Amino acid sequence: MKVFAITLACFLLVILGMSLGYIFRKREIKGSCGGISALGMEKACDCDKPCDERLKRMAEEQKQSQIK
C-alpha cells in the first residue's frame, strides 16, 4: 500500500507541476510541429479535402517540380 501511495503522490506532483506551468505561461497546449512528416515519413492522406497546410505544401512541391 505504501508503494501505491508514493506512486500516486509522484503522479499528482507531476500533474500539479504541469498545470502550474500552463497557468503561469498562459499559452495554449498544442501538438508538436510536423509530427510524422518532420521525420521524413508521409502518412496516407485519406481525406476528401486536405487541410490548408497540406494544400500549401502540395502547391510548393508542384512549383518546385515545375522549376526543375
Protein backbone atom coordinates (compact mmCIF):
# COMPACT_ATOMS: atom_id res chain seq x y z
CA MET A 1 0.00 0.00 0.00
CA LYS A 2 2.95 2.33 0.66
CA VAL A 3 4.21 1.87 -2.89
CA PHE A 4 0.80 2.82 -4.27
CA ALA A 5 0.63 5.94 -2.09
CA ILE A 6 4.14 7.04 -3.11
CA THR A 7 3.41 6.43 -6.78
CA LEU A 8 0.13 8.34 -6.58
CA ALA A 9 1.86 11.24 -4.82
CA CYS A 10 4.54 11.35 -7.54
CA PHE A 11 1.96 11.42 -10.31
CA LEU A 12 0.00 14.16 -8.55
CA LEU A 13 3.16 16.24 -8.16
CA VAL A 14 3.94 15.89 -11.86
CA ILE A 15 0.38 16.85 -12.82
CA LEU A 16 0.50 19.81 -10.43
CA GLY A 17 3.81 20.97 -11.91
CA MET A 18 2.50 20.73 -15.47
CA SER A 19 -0.69 22.60 -14.61
CA LEU A 20 1.24 25.38 -12.84
CA GLY A 21 3.46 25.76 -15.90
CA TYR A 22 0.37 26.04 -18.08
CA ILE A 23 -1.35 28.53 -15.76
CA PHE A 24 1.62 30.89 -15.41
CA ARG A 25 2.69 30.86 -19.06
CA LYS A 26 -0.87 31.47 -20.34
CA ARG A 27 -0.20 29.50 -23.52
CA GLU A 28 -2.49 27.02 -25.19
CA ILE A 29 -1.50 23.38 -25.21
CA LYS A 30 -0.64 22.39 -28.78
CA GLY A 31 0.80 19.48 -30.65
CA SER A 32 4.32 19.12 -31.94
CA CYS A 33 5.36 20.72 -35.21
CA GLY A 34 5.32 18.29 -38.06
CA GLY A 35 4.70 15.01 -36.32
CA ILE A 36 5.46 12.13 -38.66
CA SER A 37 6.29 14.42 -41.59
CA ALA A 38 9.12 16.00 -39.52
CA LEU A 39 10.78 12.58 -39.55
CA GLY A 40 10.65 12.46 -43.34
CA MET A 41 7.78 10.00 -43.39
CA GLU A 42 4.47 10.69 -45.10
CA LYS A 43 1.27 9.23 -43.81
CA ALA A 44 -1.51 8.33 -46.19
CA CYS A 45 -3.93 11.16 -46.80
CA ASP A 46 -7.36 9.56 -46.72
CA CYS A 47 -9.22 12.89 -46.52
CA ASP A 48 -11.61 14.10 -49.18
CA LYS A 49 -10.41 17.68 -48.75
CA PRO A 50 -6.85 18.22 -47.44
CA CYS A 51 -6.22 20.88 -44.79
CA ASP A 52 -4.74 24.28 -45.65
CA GLU A 53 -1.24 23.27 -44.54
CA ARG A 54 -1.33 20.22 -46.81
CA LEU A 55 -2.64 22.27 -49.75
CA LYS A 56 0.21 24.79 -49.32
CA ARG A 57 2.77 22.00 -49.13
CA MET A 58 1.35 20.33 -52.26
CA ALA A 59 1.39 23.64 -54.16
CA GLU A 60 5.01 24.26 -53.13
CA GLU A 61 6.04 20.73 -54.19
CA GLN A 62 4.31 21.21 -57.55
CA LYS A 63 6.03 24.58 -58.05
CA GLN A 64 9.41 23.02 -57.23
CA SER A 65 8.86 20.17 -59.68
CA GLN A 66 7.94 22.63 -62.47
CA ILE A 67 11.12 24.62 -61.89
CA LYS A 68 13.29 21.53 -62.38
